[in-house]
Amino acid sequence: MNDILIVLIALFSLWLFLKYRTKKHRENLVSVFEKSHAKFAVNGKSQAAFQKAAKEWERKHPIKALKRRIKRLFW
């Protein structure tokens, strides 16, 4: 009986740890996205540079750009 209790406590602790880790990972991703959005969406020069780089990438990789457009159309 004691062995089962120890195993259950260990599994519960592992579950809590993984849940906490996932929560921290999500919070970190959100903060990264917020910083990125603040950096590029608000700043006009950065937005223009991004658009220019995107067009340049599409010019260099026409097949990949076409695949990306098709995926955007359906997803």
N, C-alpha and C. Protein backbone atom coordinates (compact mmCIF):
# COMPACT_ATOMS: atom_id res chain seq x y z
N MET A 1 0.82 -1.20 0.00
CA MET A 1 0.00 0.00 0.00
C MET A 1 0.86 1.26 0.00
N ASN A 2 1.92 1.23 0.80
CA ASN A 2 2.80 2.40 0.85
C ASN A 2 3.52 2.63 -0.47
N ASP A 3 3.89 1.54 -1.14
CA ASP A 3 4.57 1.66 -2.43
C ASP A 3 3.67 2.33 -3.47
N ILE A 4 2.42 1.96 -3.47
CA ILE A 4 1.48 2.55 -4.42
C ILE A 4 1.28 4.03 -4.12
N LEU A 5 1.22 4.37 -2.86
CA LEU A 5 1.07 5.77 -2.47
C LEU A 5 2.28 6.60 -2.90
N ILE A 6 3.46 6.05 -2.73
CA ILE A 6 4.68 6.76 -3.14
C ILE A 6 4.70 6.96 -4.66
N VAL A 7 4.31 5.94 -5.40
CA VAL A 7 4.28 6.04 -6.86
C VAL A 7 3.25 7.07 -7.29
N LEU A 8 2.09 7.08 -6.67
CA LEU A 8 1.06 8.05 -7.02
C LEU A 8 1.51 9.47 -6.71
N ILE A 9 2.16 9.68 -5.58
CA ILE A 9 2.67 11.01 -5.23
C ILE A 9 3.73 11.45 -6.24
N ALA A 10 4.60 10.53 -6.64
CA ALA A 10 5.63 10.85 -7.63
C ALA A 10 5.00 11.21 -8.98
N LEU A 11 4.00 10.45 -9.39
CA LEU A 11 3.32 10.75 -10.66
C LEU A 11 2.59 12.08 -10.61
N PHE A 12 1.94 12.36 -9.49
CA PHE A 12 1.25 13.64 -9.32
C PHE A 12 2.23 14.80 -9.36
N SER A 13 3.39 14.63 -8.70
CA SER A 13 4.42 15.67 -8.70
C SER A 13 4.95 15.91 -10.12
N LEU A 14 5.16 14.83 -10.84
CA LEU A 14 5.63 14.94 -12.23
C LEU A 14 4.60 15.66 -13.08
N TRP A 15 3.34 15.32 -12.90
CA TRP A 15 2.26 15.97 -13.65
C TRP A 15 2.21 17.46 -13.35
N LEU A 16 2.32 17.83 -12.07
CA LEU A 16 2.32 19.26 -11.71
C LEU A 16 3.52 19.98 -12.31
N PHE A 17 4.69 19.34 -12.26
CA PHE A 17 5.89 19.96 -12.82
C PHE A 17 5.74 20.19 -14.32
N LEU A 18 5.24 19.21 -15.04
CA LEU A 18 5.06 19.37 -16.49
C LEU A 18 4.01 20.43 -16.81
N LYS A 19 2.97 20.49 -16.03
CA LYS A 19 1.94 21.51 -16.24
C LYS A 19 2.53 22.91 -16.01
N TYR A 20 3.31 23.07 -14.95
CA TYR A 20 3.96 24.36 -14.66
C TYR A 20 4.93 24.73 -15.78
N ARG A 21 5.69 23.76 -16.24
CA ARG A 21 6.67 24.01 -17.30
C ARG A 21 5.97 24.45 -18.59
N THR A 22 4.87 23.80 -18.92
CA THR A 22 4.10 24.15 -20.11
C THR A 22 3.55 25.57 -19.98
N LYS A 23 3.06 25.91 -18.80
CA LYS A 23 2.54 27.25 -18.58
C LYS A 23 3.63 28.30 -18.76
N LYS A 24 4.81 28.05 -18.21
CA LYS A 24 5.92 28.99 -18.35
C LYS A 24 6.34 29.11 -19.82
N HIS A 25 6.33 28.00 -20.53
CA HIS A 25 6.70 28.03 -21.95
C HIS A 25 5.71 28.88 -22.74
N ARG A 26 4.42 28.71 -22.46
CA ARG A 26 3.40 29.51 -23.15
C ARG A 26 3.56 30.99 -22.84
N GLU A 27 3.79 31.31 -21.57
CA GLU A 27 3.98 32.72 -21.19
C GLU A 27 5.20 33.31 -21.88
N ASN A 28 6.25 32.53 -22.00
CA ASN A 28 7.45 33.00 -22.68
C ASN A 28 7.18 33.25 -24.16
N LEU A 29 6.45 32.34 -24.80
CA LEU A 29 6.11 32.53 -26.21
C LEU A 29 5.26 33.78 -26.42
N VAL A 30 4.30 34.00 -25.54
CA VAL A 30 3.44 35.18 -25.65
C VAL A 30 4.27 36.45 -25.51
N SER A 31 5.20 36.46 -24.57
CA SER A 31 6.01 37.66 -24.39
C SER A 31 6.90 37.91 -25.61
N VAL A 32 7.42 36.83 -26.19
CA VAL A 32 8.24 36.99 -27.40
C VAL A 32 7.41 37.55 -28.54
N PHE A 33 6.19 37.03 -28.71
CA PHE A 33 5.32 37.52 -29.78
C PHE A 33 4.92 38.97 -29.54
N GLU A 34 4.67 39.34 -28.29
CA GLU A 34 4.31 40.72 -28.00
C GLU A 34 5.47 41.67 -28.32
N LYS A 35 6.69 41.26 -27.97
CA LYS A 35 7.86 42.09 -28.28
C LYS A 35 8.04 42.22 -29.79
N SER A 36 7.88 41.12 -30.50
CA SER A 36 8.03 41.13 -31.94
C SER A 36 6.97 42.00 -32.58
N HIS A 37 5.73 41.89 -32.10
CA HIS A 37 4.65 42.71 -32.64
C HIS A 37 4.92 44.18 -32.39
N ALA A 38 5.35 44.51 -31.19
CA ALA A 38 5.63 45.91 -30.86
C ALA A 38 6.78 46.44 -31.71
N LYS A 39 7.72 45.58 -32.01
CA LYS A 39 8.89 46.02 -32.77
C LYS A 39 8.56 46.25 -34.24
N PHE A 40 7.77 45.36 -34.84
CA PHE A 40 7.56 45.44 -36.28
C PHE A 40 6.24 46.07 -36.68
N ALA A 41 5.18 45.86 -35.94
CA ALA A 41 3.87 46.33 -36.35
C ALA A 41 3.73 47.84 -36.17
N VAL A 42 4.37 48.38 -35.16
CA VAL A 42 4.22 49.80 -34.86
C VAL A 42 5.20 50.64 -35.66
N ASN A 43 6.40 50.14 -35.83
CA ASN A 43 7.44 50.89 -36.51
C ASN A 43 7.27 50.78 -38.03
N GLY A 44 7.06 51.90 -38.69
CA GLY A 44 6.83 51.90 -40.13
C GLY A 44 8.03 51.47 -40.93
N LYS A 45 9.22 51.87 -40.49
CA LYS A 45 10.44 51.49 -41.21
C LYS A 45 10.66 49.98 -41.14
N SER A 46 10.45 49.42 -39.97
CA SER A 46 10.62 47.97 -39.82
C SER A 46 9.60 47.22 -40.65
N GLN A 47 8.37 47.73 -40.69
CA GLN A 47 7.33 47.09 -41.48
C GLN A 47 7.67 47.14 -42.96
N ALA A 48 8.19 48.27 -43.42
CA ALA A 48 8.57 48.39 -44.82
C ALA A 48 9.74 47.46 -45.14
N ALA A 49 10.70 47.37 -44.23
CA ALA A 49 11.83 46.47 -44.44
C ALA A 49 11.36 45.02 -44.48
N PHE A 50 10.42 44.68 -43.63
CA PHE A 50 9.88 43.32 -43.62
C PHE A 50 9.17 43.02 -44.93
N GLN A 51 8.35 43.94 -45.41
CA GLN A 51 7.64 43.73 -46.68
C GLN A 51 8.63 43.58 -47.83
N LYS A 52 9.68 44.38 -47.81
CA LYS A 52 10.69 44.30 -48.86
C LYS A 52 11.40 42.94 -48.82
N ALA A 53 11.74 42.50 -47.62
CA ALA A 53 12.40 41.20 -47.48
C ALA A 53 11.48 40.07 -47.91
N ALA A 54 10.19 40.18 -47.60
CA ALA A 54 9.23 39.15 -47.99
C ALA A 54 9.11 39.08 -49.52
N LYS A 55 9.04 40.23 -50.16
CA LYS A 55 8.95 40.24 -51.62
C LYS A 55 10.22 39.69 -52.25
N GLU A 56 11.37 40.02 -51.67
CA GLU A 56 12.64 39.51 -52.17
C GLU A 56 12.69 37.99 -52.04
N TRP A 57 12.21 37.47 -50.90
CA TRP A 57 12.20 36.04 -50.69
C TRP A 57 11.28 35.37 -51.70
N GLU A 58 10.11 35.98 -51.97
CA GLU A 58 9.19 35.40 -52.95
C GLU A 58 9.80 35.42 -54.35
N ARG A 59 10.58 36.43 -54.64
CA ARG A 59 11.23 36.50 -55.95
C ARG A 59 12.29 35.41 -56.09
N LYS A 60 13.04 35.15 -55.00
CA LYS A 60 14.10 34.15 -55.04
C LYS A 60 13.56 32.72 -54.98
N HIS A 61 12.41 32.53 -54.34
CA HIS A 61 11.85 31.20 -54.15
C HIS A 61 10.40 31.16 -54.65
N PRO A 62 10.20 31.19 -55.95
CA PRO A 62 8.83 31.26 -56.47
C PRO A 62 7.99 30.02 -56.18
N ILE A 63 8.59 28.84 -56.20
CA ILE A 63 7.82 27.63 -55.95
C ILE A 63 7.38 27.56 -54.50
N LYS A 64 8.28 27.88 -53.58
CA LYS A 64 7.92 27.88 -52.16
C LYS A 64 6.87 28.96 -51.86
N ALA A 65 7.00 30.10 -52.54
CA ALA A 65 6.02 31.17 -52.34
C ALA A 65 4.64 30.74 -52.83
N LEU A 66 4.60 30.03 -53.95
CA LEU A 66 3.33 29.53 -54.47
C LEU A 66 2.71 28.52 -53.51
N LYS A 67 3.54 27.61 -52.97
CA LYS A 67 3.04 26.65 -51.98
C LYS A 67 2.49 27.37 -50.76
N ARG A 68 3.19 28.40 -50.32
CA ARG A 68 2.74 29.15 -49.14
C ARG A 68 1.40 29.83 -49.40
N ARG A 69 1.25 30.40 -50.59
CA ARG A 69 -0.03 31.04 -50.93
C ARG A 69 -1.17 30.03 -50.97
N ILE A 70 -0.90 28.85 -51.52
CA ILE A 70 -1.93 27.81 -51.58
C ILE A 70 -2.30 27.37 -50.17
N LYS A 71 -1.33 27.20 -49.29
CA LYS A 71 -1.62 26.81 -47.92
C LYS A 71 -2.45 27.87 -47.21
N ARG A 72 -2.12 29.15 -47.43
CA ARG A 72 -2.88 30.24 -46.81
C ARG A 72 -4.32 30.24 -47.31
N LEU A 73 -4.50 29.87 -48.57
CA LEU A 73 -5.84 29.87 -49.14
C LEU A 73 -6.73 28.83 -48.47
N PHE A 74 -6.15 27.67 -48.16
CA PHE A 74 -6.94 26.59 -47.59
C PHE A 74 -6.92 26.53 -46.08
N TRP A 75 -5.95 27.11 -45.42
CA TRP A 75 -5.88 27.04 -43.96
C TRP A 75 -6.30 28.30 -43.39
